[in-house]
Amino acid sequence: MVYGKHIFFAKWRFTAIAVGFLTLVYVASVHAQGSEYIYWTEAGASNKIRRANLDGTNPVDHVTGLNSPWGIALDLINSHLYWGEDSKIGRANLDGTNRVDHVTGISANAHGDVALDQVNGFIYFSESNKIHRANLNGTNPVMLVNWINSPQGIALDLTNNHMFWIEAGRTKILRANLDASSTVDHITGVTDGRGLALDLTNNQCVLDRIG
């Protein structure tokens, strides 16, 4: 069961919203294997990624045998699926094949999020009290932000050179440049914030929250 209030602006090519251990990725693209799918992660007893048609029909187990998966992102250009997992970032083909450990050495029980910068060739991910960036191929991971309070969700605005995340006990949204400089409190008074996404077409910040 999923609990929460959602403020949603559905005008993106693809959008991600996380609810606790559940992450939904809506795909509407001719590049996505000629169809439209919704992908989500399930932790707890399930520990897998599932996929269904965008209308909700035909849900199937897509990638199984994971270790507390969290966050999910799609690379439709290269047909790759990324997700966070205890101690690593995983990657597989969009059809679920060729699963690999893409970035390792991440804190256990991190439960952060993943975002892709395909323009500049980077993958961003949050974990425990840090935000990292690596090359899209998984090499050269670097820590961008340290000693933040339980970051949840991460979203990128490449046009304006900004990244956003939720932290401080999930009570506010922060914004920084993509290189982590000039960090500011962007939205305060958030109640148990979890997932985060941007509607760049309508200049909206979209928050999924509990409460």
N, C-alpha and C. Protein backbone atom coordinates (compact mmCIF):
# COMPACT_ATOMS: atom_id res chain seq x y z
N MET A 1 0.86 -1.19 0.00
CA MET A 1 0.00 0.00 0.00
C MET A 1 0.89 1.23 0.00
N VAL A 2 0.50 2.23 -0.76
CA VAL A 2 1.26 3.46 -0.84
C VAL A 2 0.47 4.58 -0.17
N TYR A 3 1.10 5.29 0.76
CA TYR A 3 0.45 6.40 1.43
C TYR A 3 1.09 7.67 0.94
N GLY A 4 0.31 8.75 0.86
CA GLY A 4 0.95 10.02 0.56
C GLY A 4 0.04 10.96 -0.19
N LYS A 5 0.48 12.22 -0.26
CA LYS A 5 -0.19 13.23 -1.04
C LYS A 5 0.72 13.60 -2.18
N HIS A 6 0.15 13.75 -3.36
CA HIS A 6 0.97 13.99 -4.53
C HIS A 6 0.52 15.28 -5.22
N ILE A 7 1.49 16.12 -5.53
CA ILE A 7 1.25 17.28 -6.36
C ILE A 7 1.97 16.99 -7.66
N PHE A 8 1.24 16.84 -8.76
CA PHE A 8 1.83 16.22 -9.95
C PHE A 8 1.48 17.00 -11.21
N PHE A 9 2.47 17.27 -12.03
CA PHE A 9 2.29 17.95 -13.29
C PHE A 9 2.83 17.04 -14.38
N ALA A 10 1.93 16.36 -15.13
CA ALA A 10 2.35 15.28 -16.02
C ALA A 10 2.62 15.82 -17.42
N LYS A 11 3.73 16.55 -17.58
CA LYS A 11 4.07 17.08 -18.88
C LYS A 11 5.52 16.80 -19.23
N TRP A 12 6.06 15.72 -18.65
CA TRP A 12 7.44 15.39 -18.94
C TRP A 12 7.50 14.22 -19.89
N ARG A 13 8.65 14.08 -20.51
CA ARG A 13 8.89 12.89 -21.31
C ARG A 13 9.05 11.69 -20.41
N PHE A 14 9.74 11.87 -19.30
CA PHE A 14 9.72 10.82 -18.28
C PHE A 14 9.91 11.48 -16.92
N THR A 15 9.29 10.87 -15.91
CA THR A 15 9.19 11.47 -14.59
C THR A 15 9.36 10.40 -13.54
N ALA A 16 10.00 10.74 -12.43
CA ALA A 16 10.16 9.77 -11.35
C ALA A 16 9.61 10.34 -10.06
N ILE A 17 8.88 9.51 -9.32
CA ILE A 17 8.36 9.89 -8.02
C ILE A 17 8.62 8.73 -7.07
N ALA A 18 9.22 9.00 -5.91
CA ALA A 18 9.52 7.95 -4.95
C ALA A 18 8.61 8.06 -3.74
N VAL A 19 8.12 6.92 -3.27
CA VAL A 19 7.27 6.88 -2.08
C VAL A 19 7.85 5.83 -1.16
N GLY A 20 8.66 6.25 -0.18
CA GLY A 20 9.31 5.28 0.67
C GLY A 20 10.18 4.35 -0.15
N PHE A 21 9.83 3.06 -0.13
CA PHE A 21 10.59 2.10 -0.89
C PHE A 21 10.07 1.94 -2.31
N LEU A 22 9.04 2.69 -2.68
CA LEU A 22 8.44 2.53 -4.00
C LEU A 22 8.82 3.68 -4.91
N THR A 23 9.29 3.37 -6.10
CA THR A 23 9.64 4.39 -7.06
C THR A 23 8.96 4.10 -8.37
N LEU A 24 8.28 5.08 -8.92
CA LEU A 24 7.58 4.93 -10.17
C LEU A 24 8.28 5.72 -11.25
N VAL A 25 8.47 5.14 -12.40
CA VAL A 25 9.05 5.84 -13.51
C VAL A 25 8.14 5.70 -14.70
N TYR A 26 7.59 6.81 -15.15
CA TYR A 26 6.67 6.81 -16.27
C TYR A 26 7.47 7.03 -17.54
N VAL A 27 7.27 6.19 -18.53
CA VAL A 27 8.03 6.29 -19.76
C VAL A 27 7.06 6.45 -20.92
N ALA A 28 7.24 7.50 -21.70
CA ALA A 28 6.42 7.70 -22.89
C ALA A 28 7.36 8.10 -24.01
N SER A 29 7.93 7.11 -24.67
CA SER A 29 8.95 7.38 -25.66
C SER A 29 9.02 6.26 -26.67
N VAL A 30 9.26 6.62 -27.92
CA VAL A 30 9.41 5.60 -28.95
C VAL A 30 10.70 4.82 -28.75
N HIS A 31 11.62 5.37 -27.93
CA HIS A 31 12.88 4.68 -27.68
C HIS A 31 12.75 3.58 -26.64
N ALA A 32 11.67 3.58 -25.88
CA ALA A 32 11.53 2.61 -24.78
C ALA A 32 10.96 1.30 -25.31
N GLN A 33 11.74 0.65 -26.16
CA GLN A 33 11.40 -0.67 -26.70
C GLN A 33 10.05 -0.65 -27.41
N GLY A 34 9.69 0.50 -28.00
CA GLY A 34 8.50 0.59 -28.82
C GLY A 34 7.21 0.54 -28.03
N SER A 35 7.25 0.79 -26.71
CA SER A 35 6.05 0.73 -25.91
C SER A 35 6.15 1.73 -24.78
N GLU A 36 5.16 1.73 -23.89
CA GLU A 36 5.15 2.62 -22.74
C GLU A 36 5.04 1.79 -21.48
N TYR A 37 5.97 2.01 -20.55
CA TYR A 37 6.04 1.19 -19.36
C TYR A 37 6.13 2.05 -18.12
N ILE A 38 5.77 1.46 -17.01
CA ILE A 38 6.01 2.02 -15.69
C ILE A 38 6.90 1.04 -14.93
N TYR A 39 7.99 1.55 -14.36
CA TYR A 39 8.93 0.73 -13.61
C TYR A 39 8.89 1.16 -12.15
N TRP A 40 9.07 0.21 -11.21
CA TRP A 40 9.17 0.58 -9.81
C TRP A 40 10.03 -0.42 -9.05
N THR A 41 10.60 0.06 -7.94
CA THR A 41 11.39 -0.82 -7.08
C THR A 41 10.54 -1.25 -5.89
N GLU A 42 10.78 -2.45 -5.41
CA GLU A 42 10.14 -2.97 -4.21
C GLU A 42 11.21 -3.55 -3.30
N ALA A 43 11.26 -3.06 -2.06
CA ALA A 43 12.22 -3.58 -1.09
C ALA A 43 11.50 -4.54 -0.15
N GLY A 44 11.93 -4.57 1.11
CA GLY A 44 11.29 -5.48 2.05
C GLY A 44 11.48 -6.92 1.63
N ALA A 45 10.39 -7.68 1.64
CA ALA A 45 10.46 -9.10 1.28
C ALA A 45 10.61 -9.30 -0.22
N SER A 46 10.28 -8.28 -1.02
CA SER A 46 10.29 -8.43 -2.48
C SER A 46 11.69 -8.28 -3.07
N ASN A 47 12.35 -7.14 -2.78
CA ASN A 47 13.70 -6.87 -3.26
C ASN A 47 13.84 -7.10 -4.76
N LYS A 48 13.08 -6.31 -5.52
CA LYS A 48 13.11 -6.47 -6.97
C LYS A 48 12.62 -5.21 -7.66
N ILE A 49 12.83 -5.17 -8.96
CA ILE A 49 12.26 -4.15 -9.82
C ILE A 49 11.16 -4.80 -10.64
N ARG A 50 10.01 -4.12 -10.71
CA ARG A 50 8.89 -4.64 -11.48
C ARG A 50 8.57 -3.67 -12.62
N ARG A 51 7.85 -4.16 -13.60
CA ARG A 51 7.46 -3.35 -14.74
C ARG A 51 6.05 -3.72 -15.17
N ALA A 52 5.29 -2.72 -15.62
CA ALA A 52 3.95 -2.96 -16.15
C ALA A 52 3.73 -2.03 -17.33
N ASN A 53 2.70 -2.30 -18.10
CA ASN A 53 2.30 -1.35 -19.12
C ASN A 53 1.87 -0.05 -18.45
N LEU A 54 1.95 1.06 -19.17
CA LEU A 54 1.65 2.35 -18.57
C LEU A 54 0.21 2.44 -18.09
N ASP A 55 -0.69 1.65 -18.66
CA ASP A 55 -2.08 1.65 -18.20
C ASP A 55 -2.29 0.75 -16.99
N GLY A 56 -1.20 0.16 -16.47
CA GLY A 56 -1.27 -0.65 -15.26
C GLY A 56 -1.44 -2.14 -15.49
N THR A 57 -1.61 -2.55 -16.75
CA THR A 57 -1.81 -3.97 -17.04
C THR A 57 -0.47 -4.71 -17.14
N ASN A 58 -0.56 -6.03 -16.98
CA ASN A 58 0.56 -6.94 -17.17
C ASN A 58 1.78 -6.61 -16.31
N PRO A 59 1.62 -6.47 -14.99
CA PRO A 59 2.80 -6.28 -14.14
C PRO A 59 3.64 -7.56 -14.07
N VAL A 60 4.95 -7.40 -14.18
CA VAL A 60 5.86 -8.56 -14.17
C VAL A 60 7.07 -8.22 -13.32
N ASP A 61 7.72 -9.27 -12.79
CA ASP A 61 9.01 -9.11 -12.14
C ASP A 61 10.06 -8.88 -13.22
N HIS A 62 10.82 -7.79 -13.07
CA HIS A 62 11.74 -7.38 -14.14
C HIS A 62 13.20 -7.68 -13.79
N VAL A 63 13.64 -7.27 -12.60
CA VAL A 63 14.98 -7.61 -12.10
C VAL A 63 14.79 -8.09 -10.67
N THR A 64 15.24 -9.29 -10.36
CA THR A 64 14.99 -9.89 -9.04
C THR A 64 16.30 -10.13 -8.30
N GLY A 65 16.18 -10.54 -7.02
CA GLY A 65 17.34 -10.88 -6.23
C GLY A 65 18.17 -9.68 -5.82
N LEU A 66 17.55 -8.51 -5.66
CA LEU A 66 18.27 -7.30 -5.27
C LEU A 66 18.34 -7.19 -3.75
N ASN A 67 19.10 -6.19 -3.28
CA ASN A 67 19.28 -5.99 -1.85
C ASN A 67 18.78 -4.59 -1.48
N SER A 68 17.52 -4.51 -1.07
CA SER A 68 16.89 -3.24 -0.68
C SER A 68 17.06 -2.16 -1.74
N PRO A 69 16.49 -2.36 -2.93
CA PRO A 69 16.63 -1.36 -3.99
C PRO A 69 15.92 -0.05 -3.64
N TRP A 70 16.51 1.07 -4.07
CA TRP A 70 15.93 2.38 -3.83
C TRP A 70 16.29 3.27 -5.02
N GLY A 71 15.38 4.16 -5.38
CA GLY A 71 15.64 5.06 -6.50
C GLY A 71 15.70 4.32 -7.81
N ILE A 72 15.40 5.02 -8.88
CA ILE A 72 15.44 4.39 -10.20
C ILE A 72 15.54 5.49 -11.25
N ALA A 73 16.28 5.23 -12.31
CA ALA A 73 16.43 6.20 -13.39
C ALA A 73 16.63 5.45 -14.69
N LEU A 74 16.12 6.02 -15.78
CA LEU A 74 16.20 5.39 -17.10
C LEU A 74 17.08 6.19 -18.04
N ASP A 75 17.94 5.48 -18.75
CA ASP A 75 18.72 6.04 -19.85
C ASP A 75 18.12 5.48 -21.13
N LEU A 76 17.19 6.22 -21.74
CA LEU A 76 16.51 5.72 -22.93
C LEU A 76 17.40 5.77 -24.16
N ILE A 77 18.44 6.60 -24.12
CA ILE A 77 19.35 6.70 -25.26
C ILE A 77 20.17 5.43 -25.40
N ASN A 78 20.70 4.96 -24.27
CA ASN A 78 21.55 3.77 -24.27
C ASN A 78 20.83 2.52 -23.79
N SER A 79 19.51 2.62 -23.56
CA SER A 79 18.68 1.48 -23.14
C SER A 79 19.16 0.85 -21.84
N HIS A 80 19.42 1.70 -20.84
CA HIS A 80 19.87 1.23 -19.54
C HIS A 80 18.91 1.66 -18.43
N LEU A 81 18.85 0.84 -17.41
CA LEU A 81 18.07 1.07 -16.20
C LEU A 81 19.03 1.11 -15.02
N TYR A 82 18.94 2.16 -14.19
CA TYR A 82 19.80 2.31 -13.02
C TYR A 82 18.95 2.32 -11.75
N TRP A 83 19.51 1.82 -10.67
CA TRP A 83 18.82 1.87 -9.38
C TRP A 83 19.86 1.89 -8.26
N GLY A 84 19.45 2.38 -7.10
CA GLY A 84 20.29 2.29 -5.92
C GLY A 84 20.02 0.99 -5.19
N GLU A 85 21.05 0.50 -4.55
CA GLU A 85 20.96 -0.75 -3.79
C GLU A 85 21.92 -0.64 -2.63
N ASP A 86 21.72 -1.41 -1.57
CA ASP A 86 22.64 -1.34 -0.45
C ASP A 86 24.07 -1.54 -0.94
N SER A 87 24.91 -0.53 -0.70
CA SER A 87 26.35 -0.55 -0.98
C SER A 87 26.71 -0.37 -2.45
N LYS A 88 25.74 -0.09 -3.34
CA LYS A 88 26.11 0.05 -4.75
C LYS A 88 24.98 0.66 -5.58
N ILE A 89 25.34 1.07 -6.79
CA ILE A 89 24.39 1.44 -7.83
C ILE A 89 24.39 0.32 -8.86
N GLY A 90 23.21 -0.21 -9.17
CA GLY A 90 23.11 -1.28 -10.15
C GLY A 90 22.68 -0.75 -11.51
N ARG A 91 22.97 -1.52 -12.55
CA ARG A 91 22.55 -1.17 -13.91
C ARG A 91 22.18 -2.45 -14.66
N ALA A 92 21.17 -2.33 -15.50
CA ALA A 92 20.78 -3.44 -16.38
C ALA A 92 20.25 -2.84 -17.68
N ASN A 93 20.12 -3.66 -18.68
CA ASN A 93 19.43 -3.22 -19.88
C ASN A 93 17.97 -2.96 -19.56
N LEU A 94 17.30 -2.17 -20.37
CA LEU A 94 15.89 -1.88 -20.12
C LEU A 94 15.03 -3.13 -20.10
N ASP A 95 15.46 -4.17 -20.80
CA ASP A 95 14.69 -5.41 -20.79
C ASP A 95 15.03 -6.29 -19.59
N GLY A 96 15.90 -5.78 -18.68
CA GLY A 96 16.23 -6.50 -17.45
C GLY A 96 17.44 -7.40 -17.55
N THR A 97 18.05 -7.52 -18.72
CA THR A 97 19.20 -8.40 -18.90
C THR A 97 20.51 -7.67 -18.56
N ASN A 98 21.58 -8.46 -18.45
CA ASN A 98 22.94 -7.94 -18.25
C ASN A 98 23.04 -7.02 -17.03
N ARG A 99 22.57 -7.52 -15.91
CA ARG A 99 22.68 -6.78 -14.65
C ARG A 99 24.13 -6.74 -14.19
N VAL A 100 24.59 -5.53 -13.78
CA VAL A 100 25.96 -5.36 -13.31
C VAL A 100 25.97 -4.43 -12.10
N ASP A 101 27.03 -4.54 -11.29
CA ASP A 101 27.30 -3.56 -10.23
C ASP A 101 28.00 -2.38 -10.89
N HIS A 102 27.32 -1.22 -10.96
CA HIS A 102 27.81 -0.11 -11.76
C HIS A 102 28.74 0.81 -10.94
N VAL A 103 28.35 1.15 -9.72
CA VAL A 103 29.19 1.91 -8.79
C VAL A 103 29.12 1.21 -7.45
N THR A 104 30.26 0.94 -6.84
CA THR A 104 30.29 0.21 -5.57
C THR A 104 30.84 1.11 -4.46
N GLY A 105 30.82 0.58 -3.23
CA GLY A 105 31.37 1.31 -2.09
C GLY A 105 30.42 2.32 -1.48
N ILE A 106 29.12 2.18 -1.72
CA ILE A 106 28.13 3.09 -1.14
C ILE A 106 27.70 2.55 0.22
N SER A 107 27.32 3.45 1.11
CA SER A 107 26.91 3.03 2.46
C SER A 107 25.73 2.08 2.41
N ALA A 108 25.74 1.10 3.29
CA ALA A 108 24.59 0.20 3.42
C ALA A 108 23.41 0.97 3.99
N ASN A 109 22.21 0.52 3.64
CA ASN A 109 20.97 1.13 4.12
C ASN A 109 20.89 2.62 3.79
N ALA A 110 21.44 3.00 2.63
CA ALA A 110 21.49 4.41 2.25
C ALA A 110 20.12 4.95 1.87
N HIS A 111 19.40 4.20 1.04
CA HIS A 111 18.05 4.57 0.62
C HIS A 111 17.96 6.01 0.13
N GLY A 112 18.74 6.33 -0.85
CA GLY A 112 18.73 7.65 -1.46
C GLY A 112 18.02 7.63 -2.79
N ASP A 113 18.63 8.24 -3.80
CA ASP A 113 18.00 8.30 -5.11
C ASP A 113 19.07 8.44 -6.17
N VAL A 114 18.65 8.32 -7.43
CA VAL A 114 19.56 8.35 -8.56
C VAL A 114 19.01 9.32 -9.60
N ALA A 115 19.89 10.10 -10.23
CA ALA A 115 19.49 11.00 -11.31
C ALA A 115 20.59 11.00 -12.37
N LEU A 116 20.19 11.15 -13.63
CA LEU A 116 21.14 11.10 -14.74
C LEU A 116 21.27 12.46 -15.40
N ASP A 117 22.51 12.82 -15.71
CA ASP A 117 22.83 13.97 -16.55
C ASP A 117 23.43 13.41 -17.84
N GLN A 118 22.57 13.13 -18.80
CA GLN A 118 23.04 12.52 -20.04
C GLN A 118 23.69 13.53 -20.97
N VAL A 119 23.44 14.81 -20.75
CA VAL A 119 24.07 15.85 -21.56
C VAL A 119 25.56 15.88 -21.31
N ASN A 120 25.94 15.84 -20.02
CA ASN A 120 27.35 15.92 -19.64
C ASN A 120 27.95 14.57 -19.27
N GLY A 121 27.13 13.52 -19.30
CA GLY A 121 27.64 12.18 -19.06
C GLY A 121 27.90 11.84 -17.61
N PHE A 122 26.97 12.23 -16.69
CA PHE A 122 27.16 11.95 -15.27
C PHE A 122 25.95 11.23 -14.70
N ILE A 123 26.20 10.50 -13.61
CA ILE A 123 25.14 9.94 -12.77
C ILE A 123 25.33 10.51 -11.37
N TYR A 124 24.25 11.05 -10.79
CA TYR A 124 24.25 11.59 -9.43
C TYR A 124 23.50 10.62 -8.53
N PHE A 125 23.96 10.48 -7.29
CA PHE A 125 23.23 9.63 -6.36
C PHE A 125 23.44 10.12 -4.94
N SER A 126 22.39 10.02 -4.14
CA SER A 126 22.45 10.40 -2.72
C SER A 126 22.53 9.12 -1.88
N GLU A 127 23.21 9.23 -0.73
CA GLU A 127 23.32 8.08 0.17
C GLU A 127 23.70 8.57 1.55
N SER A 128 23.02 8.03 2.54
CA SER A 128 23.28 8.38 3.94
C SER A 128 23.33 9.89 4.11
N ASN A 129 24.53 10.47 4.28
CA ASN A 129 24.63 11.92 4.49
C ASN A 129 25.48 12.58 3.39
N LYS A 130 25.41 12.04 2.18
CA LYS A 130 26.26 12.55 1.11
C LYS A 130 25.52 12.54 -0.23
N ILE A 131 26.04 13.34 -1.16
CA ILE A 131 25.64 13.26 -2.57
C ILE A 131 26.90 13.07 -3.39
N HIS A 132 26.86 12.13 -4.30
CA HIS A 132 28.00 11.80 -5.15
C HIS A 132 27.66 12.02 -6.62
N ARG A 133 28.72 12.10 -7.41
CA ARG A 133 28.59 12.13 -8.87
C ARG A 133 29.66 11.23 -9.46
N ALA A 134 29.31 10.48 -10.49
CA ALA A 134 30.28 9.65 -11.21
C ALA A 134 30.04 9.82 -12.70
N ASN A 135 31.00 9.40 -13.49
CA ASN A 135 30.77 9.34 -14.93
C ASN A 135 29.64 8.36 -15.20
N LEU A 136 28.94 8.57 -16.29
CA LEU A 136 27.79 7.72 -16.59
C LEU A 136 28.20 6.26 -16.74
N ASN A 137 29.45 6.01 -17.10
CA ASN A 137 29.92 4.62 -17.21
C ASN A 137 30.35 4.04 -15.87
N GLY A 138 30.16 4.81 -14.77
CA GLY A 138 30.45 4.31 -13.43
C GLY A 138 31.82 4.65 -12.90
N THR A 139 32.67 5.24 -13.71
CA THR A 139 34.04 5.53 -13.28
C THR A 139 34.11 6.88 -12.57
N ASN A 140 35.20 7.05 -11.81
CA ASN A 140 35.54 8.32 -11.17
C ASN A 140 34.43 8.87 -10.28
N PRO A 141 33.92 8.10 -9.33
CA PRO A 141 32.92 8.65 -8.39
C PRO A 141 33.57 9.68 -7.46
N VAL A 142 32.91 10.80 -7.27
CA VAL A 142 33.42 11.85 -6.38
C VAL A 142 32.28 12.30 -5.47
N MET A 143 32.65 12.69 -4.26
CA MET A 143 31.67 13.19 -3.31
C MET A 143 31.49 14.70 -3.53
N LEU A 144 30.25 15.12 -3.76
CA LEU A 144 29.97 16.54 -3.98
C LEU A 144 29.52 17.25 -2.70
N VAL A 145 28.68 16.57 -1.91
CA VAL A 145 28.13 17.18 -0.69
C VAL A 145 28.29 16.18 0.45
N ASN A 146 28.74 16.66 1.60
CA ASN A 146 28.98 15.78 2.73
C ASN A 146 28.28 16.33 3.97
N TRP A 147 27.97 15.41 4.90
CA TRP A 147 27.39 15.76 6.18
C TRP A 147 26.08 16.53 6.04
N ILE A 148 25.23 16.05 5.15
CA ILE A 148 23.87 16.55 5.09
C ILE A 148 22.95 15.56 5.79
N ASN A 149 21.76 15.98 6.09
CA ASN A 149 20.88 15.21 6.97
C ASN A 149 19.94 14.34 6.15
N SER A 150 20.31 13.09 6.00
CA SER A 150 19.45 12.08 5.38
C SER A 150 18.84 12.54 4.06
N PRO A 151 19.63 12.76 3.02
CA PRO A 151 19.06 13.21 1.75
C PRO A 151 18.09 12.18 1.17
N GLN A 152 16.98 12.67 0.69
CA GLN A 152 15.96 11.83 0.05
C GLN A 152 15.61 12.48 -1.29
N GLY A 153 15.64 11.72 -2.33
CA GLY A 153 15.29 12.26 -3.64
C GLY A 153 16.38 13.17 -4.16
N ILE A 154 16.53 13.20 -5.47
CA ILE A 154 17.47 14.11 -6.12
C ILE A 154 16.94 14.37 -7.53
N ALA A 155 17.02 15.62 -7.95
CA ALA A 155 16.53 16.00 -9.27
C ALA A 155 17.45 17.05 -9.86
N LEU A 156 17.62 17.03 -11.18
CA LEU A 156 18.56 17.91 -11.87
C LEU A 156 17.84 18.85 -12.82
N ASP A 157 18.26 20.11 -12.80
CA ASP A 157 17.82 21.12 -13.76
C ASP A 157 19.07 21.50 -14.55
N LEU A 158 19.29 20.83 -15.68
CA LEU A 158 20.51 21.04 -16.45
C LEU A 158 20.52 22.40 -17.14
N THR A 159 19.35 22.91 -17.46
CA THR A 159 19.27 24.21 -18.13
C THR A 159 19.82 25.33 -17.25
N ASN A 160 19.47 25.27 -15.96
CA ASN A 160 19.88 26.32 -15.02
C ASN A 160 21.04 25.89 -14.13
N ASN A 161 21.64 24.73 -14.42
CA ASN A 161 22.82 24.26 -13.69
C ASN A 161 22.53 24.03 -12.21
N HIS A 162 21.36 23.45 -11.91
CA HIS A 162 20.97 23.25 -10.52
C HIS A 162 20.66 21.78 -10.23
N MET A 163 20.93 21.37 -8.99
CA MET A 163 20.42 20.11 -8.48
C MET A 163 19.63 20.40 -7.21
N PHE A 164 18.62 19.57 -6.97
CA PHE A 164 17.74 19.73 -5.81
C PHE A 164 17.72 18.41 -5.04
N TRP A 165 17.56 18.51 -3.71
CA TRP A 165 17.37 17.31 -2.91
C TRP A 165 16.62 17.67 -1.63
N ILE A 166 16.07 16.63 -0.98
CA ILE A 166 15.34 16.80 0.28
C ILE A 166 16.25 16.34 1.42
N GLU A 167 16.30 17.11 2.50
CA GLU A 167 17.12 16.70 3.64
C GLU A 167 16.60 17.28 4.95
N ALA A 168 17.45 17.25 5.97
CA ALA A 168 17.14 17.76 7.31
C ALA A 168 15.87 17.11 7.85
N GLY A 169 15.92 15.78 8.00
CA GLY A 169 14.75 15.08 8.50
C GLY A 169 13.56 15.19 7.58
N ARG A 170 13.83 15.39 6.28
CA ARG A 170 12.80 15.50 5.24
C ARG A 170 11.90 16.72 5.47
N THR A 171 12.46 17.80 5.96
CA THR A 171 11.66 18.99 6.23
C THR A 171 11.94 20.15 5.28
N LYS A 172 12.89 20.00 4.37
CA LYS A 172 13.15 21.08 3.43
C LYS A 172 13.80 20.55 2.16
N ILE A 173 13.68 21.36 1.10
CA ILE A 173 14.32 21.06 -0.18
C ILE A 173 15.46 22.05 -0.37
N LEU A 174 16.63 21.53 -0.70
CA LEU A 174 17.79 22.36 -0.93
C LEU A 174 18.13 22.41 -2.41
N ARG A 175 18.82 23.46 -2.78
CA ARG A 175 19.26 23.64 -4.17
C ARG A 175 20.72 24.04 -4.18
N ALA A 176 21.46 23.50 -5.13
CA ALA A 176 22.86 23.88 -5.31
C ALA A 176 23.17 23.85 -6.80
N ASN A 177 24.30 24.44 -7.17
CA ASN A 177 24.78 24.26 -8.53
C ASN A 177 25.17 22.81 -8.73
N LEU A 178 25.29 22.38 -9.97
CA LEU A 178 25.61 20.98 -10.25
C LEU A 178 26.96 20.56 -9.69
N ASP A 179 27.85 21.52 -9.46
CA ASP A 179 29.14 21.19 -8.83
C ASP A 179 29.07 21.29 -7.32
N ALA A 180 27.85 21.47 -6.76
CA ALA A 180 27.57 21.51 -5.32
C ALA A 180 27.89 22.87 -4.69
N SER A 181 28.26 23.86 -5.46
CA SER A 181 28.50 25.19 -4.92
C SER A 181 27.19 25.94 -4.73
N SER A 182 27.22 26.97 -3.89
CA SER A 182 26.09 27.88 -3.69
C SER A 182 24.83 27.15 -3.23
N THR A 183 24.95 26.38 -2.15
CA THR A 183 23.80 25.66 -1.61
C THR A 183 22.87 26.61 -0.84
N VAL A 184 21.58 26.49 -1.10
CA VAL A 184 20.59 27.34 -0.42
C VAL A 184 19.39 26.49 -0.03
N ASP A 185 18.66 26.94 1.02
CA ASP A 185 17.36 26.35 1.35
C ASP A 185 16.36 26.85 0.31
N HIS A 186 15.79 25.94 -0.47
CA HIS A 186 14.93 26.32 -1.58
C HIS A 186 13.45 26.35 -1.17
N ILE A 187 13.01 25.32 -0.44
CA ILE A 187 11.65 25.25 0.10
C ILE A 187 11.74 24.72 1.52
N THR A 188 11.11 25.38 2.47
CA THR A 188 11.11 24.93 3.86
C THR A 188 9.68 24.55 4.27
N GLY A 189 9.56 23.99 5.45
CA GLY A 189 8.24 23.60 5.95
C GLY A 189 7.69 22.34 5.30
N VAL A 190 8.55 21.49 4.77
CA VAL A 190 8.13 20.22 4.16
C VAL A 190 7.86 19.21 5.27
N THR A 191 6.85 18.37 5.09
CA THR A 191 6.52 17.34 6.07
C THR A 191 6.90 15.97 5.52
N ASP A 192 7.96 15.39 6.08
CA ASP A 192 8.39 14.03 5.74
C ASP A 192 8.53 13.85 4.23
N GLY A 193 9.27 14.74 3.57
CA GLY A 193 9.47 14.66 2.13
C GLY A 193 10.20 13.40 1.73
N ARG A 194 9.87 12.84 0.59
CA ARG A 194 10.51 11.62 0.10
C ARG A 194 11.02 11.82 -1.33
N GLY A 195 10.11 11.74 -2.31
CA GLY A 195 10.52 11.82 -3.70
C GLY A 195 10.47 13.24 -4.23
N LEU A 196 11.23 13.50 -5.29
CA LEU A 196 11.33 14.84 -5.83
C LEU A 196 11.50 14.75 -7.34
N ALA A 197 10.78 15.62 -8.07
CA ALA A 197 10.93 15.68 -9.51
C ALA A 197 10.66 17.09 -9.98
N LEU A 198 11.14 17.43 -11.17
CA LEU A 198 11.01 18.78 -11.70
C LEU A 198 10.17 18.76 -12.97
N ASP A 199 9.26 19.70 -13.07
CA ASP A 199 8.54 19.97 -14.30
C ASP A 199 9.17 21.21 -14.92
N LEU A 200 10.17 21.02 -15.73
CA LEU A 200 10.91 22.15 -16.28
C LEU A 200 10.09 22.91 -17.32
N THR A 201 9.12 22.25 -17.92
CA THR A 201 8.27 22.93 -18.91
C THR A 201 7.46 24.04 -18.25
N ASN A 202 6.91 23.75 -17.07
CA ASN A 202 6.06 24.72 -16.38
C ASN A 202 6.74 25.35 -15.17
N ASN A 203 8.06 25.12 -15.04
CA ASN A 203 8.85 25.73 -13.96
C ASN A 203 8.29 25.37 -12.60
N GLN A 204 8.05 24.07 -12.38
CA GLN A 204 7.48 23.59 -11.13
C GLN A 204 8.42 22.59 -10.45
N CYS A 205 8.47 22.65 -9.14
CA CYS A 205 9.12 21.63 -8.33
C CYS A 205 8.04 20.74 -7.76
N VAL A 206 8.13 19.44 -8.00
CA VAL A 206 7.08 18.50 -7.64
C VAL A 206 7.56 17.60 -6.50
N LEU A 207 6.81 17.58 -5.44
CA LEU A 207 7.20 16.86 -4.23
C LEU A 207 6.18 15.79 -3.90
N ASP A 208 6.68 14.61 -3.60
CA ASP A 208 5.84 13.58 -3.02
C ASP A 208 6.16 13.53 -1.53
N ARG A 209 5.13 13.55 -0.70
CA ARG A 209 5.38 13.62 0.72
C ARG A 209 4.37 12.77 1.48
N ILE A 210 4.73 12.49 2.71
CA ILE A 210 3.85 11.76 3.62
C ILE A 210 3.26 12.77 4.61
N GLY A 211 1.99 12.67 4.90
CA GLY A 211 1.40 13.55 5.89
C GLY A 211 0.44 14.56 5.27
